[in-house]
């Protein structure tokens, strides 16, 4: 499973693969970035962490949207 992050930088909101410095996409607003990331990750098995301005996880989403990383099947 791949891990991605949306984070706020001096250049706006950015989507990156966790542990990689390469910016996959930038946007002016968090909502624009979440919308892009949802489309980008739709066909992947991934976890998307949305970080707040302090770098803390504000929201965590799994893709495909029905995926459950805990493996409980719930």
Protein backbone atom coordinates (compact mmCIF):
# COMPACT_ATOMS: atom_id res chain seq x y z
CA UNK A 1 0.00 0.00 0.00
CA UNK A 2 1.35 3.41 -0.96
CA UNK A 3 1.20 6.37 1.42
CA UNK A 4 0.62 9.95 0.27
CA UNK A 5 0.42 13.28 2.07
CA UNK A 6 -1.26 16.60 1.44
CA UNK A 7 0.59 19.36 3.23
CA UNK A 8 0.71 23.15 3.35
CA UNK A 9 3.99 24.72 2.23
CA UNK A 10 5.13 28.21 1.30
CA UNK A 11 4.03 27.34 -2.25
CA UNK A 12 0.48 26.30 -1.33
CA UNK A 13 -0.98 22.84 -0.76
CA UNK A 14 1.07 19.98 -2.17
CA UNK A 15 0.57 16.28 -2.79
CA UNK A 16 3.62 14.07 -2.19
CA UNK A 17 4.30 10.39 -1.77
CA UNK A 18 5.33 9.84 1.84
CA UNK A 19 9.12 9.78 2.16
CA UNK A 20 9.65 11.41 -1.26
CA UNK A 21 10.47 15.08 -1.79
CA UNK A 22 9.00 15.11 -5.30
CA UNK A 23 5.82 17.21 -5.53
CA UNK A 24 3.15 15.40 -7.53
CA UNK A 25 0.80 18.39 -7.67
CA UNK A 26 0.31 21.83 -6.11
CA UNK A 27 -2.91 23.78 -5.55
CA UNK A 28 -3.94 27.06 -3.95
CA UNK A 29 -6.53 25.50 -1.65
CA UNK A 30 -6.76 22.34 0.42
CA UNK A 31 -10.13 21.45 -1.11
CA UNK A 32 -8.67 21.64 -4.64
CA UNK A 33 -5.81 19.38 -3.58
CA UNK A 34 -8.12 16.83 -1.92
CA UNK A 35 -10.28 16.75 -5.05
CA UNK A 36 -7.23 16.14 -7.28
CA UNK A 37 -5.75 13.54 -4.91
CA UNK A 38 -9.04 11.63 -4.75
CA UNK A 39 -9.10 11.35 -8.55
CA UNK A 40 -5.37 10.52 -8.70
CA UNK A 41 -5.65 7.75 -6.09
CA UNK A 42 -9.00 6.32 -7.22
CA UNK A 43 -7.39 3.31 -8.95
CA UNK A 44 -4.58 2.83 -6.43
CA UNK A 45 -4.40 1.05 -3.10
CA UNK A 46 -3.19 3.88 -0.90
CA UNK A 47 -3.54 5.90 2.27
CA UNK A 48 -3.83 9.68 1.99
CA UNK A 49 -2.94 11.75 5.05
CA UNK A 50 -4.10 15.36 5.09
CA UNK A 51 -1.82 17.37 7.35
CA UNK A 52 -2.73 20.64 9.06
CA UNK A 53 -0.46 23.70 9.11
CA UNK A 54 1.45 22.22 12.10
CA UNK A 55 2.19 18.98 10.25
CA UNK A 56 -0.25 16.92 12.34
CA UNK A 57 -2.58 14.43 10.64
CA UNK A 58 -5.96 16.10 10.31
CA UNK A 59 -7.62 13.39 8.21
CA UNK A 60 -6.69 9.97 6.85
CA UNK A 61 -8.41 8.48 3.81
CA UNK A 62 -7.98 5.04 2.24
CA UNK A 63 -8.20 4.20 -1.47
CA UNK A 64 -9.99 2.64 -3.04
CA UNK A 65 -12.55 4.26 -0.77
CA UNK A 66 -13.78 0.87 0.50
CA UNK A 67 -10.29 -0.30 1.47
CA UNK A 68 -9.62 -1.04 5.11
CA UNK A 69 -5.92 -1.09 6.01
CA UNK A 70 -6.61 -2.86 9.30
CA UNK A 71 -7.66 -5.98 7.41
CA UNK A 72 -10.77 -6.46 9.52
CA UNK A 73 -13.04 -6.42 6.50
CA UNK A 74 -15.27 -3.85 8.19
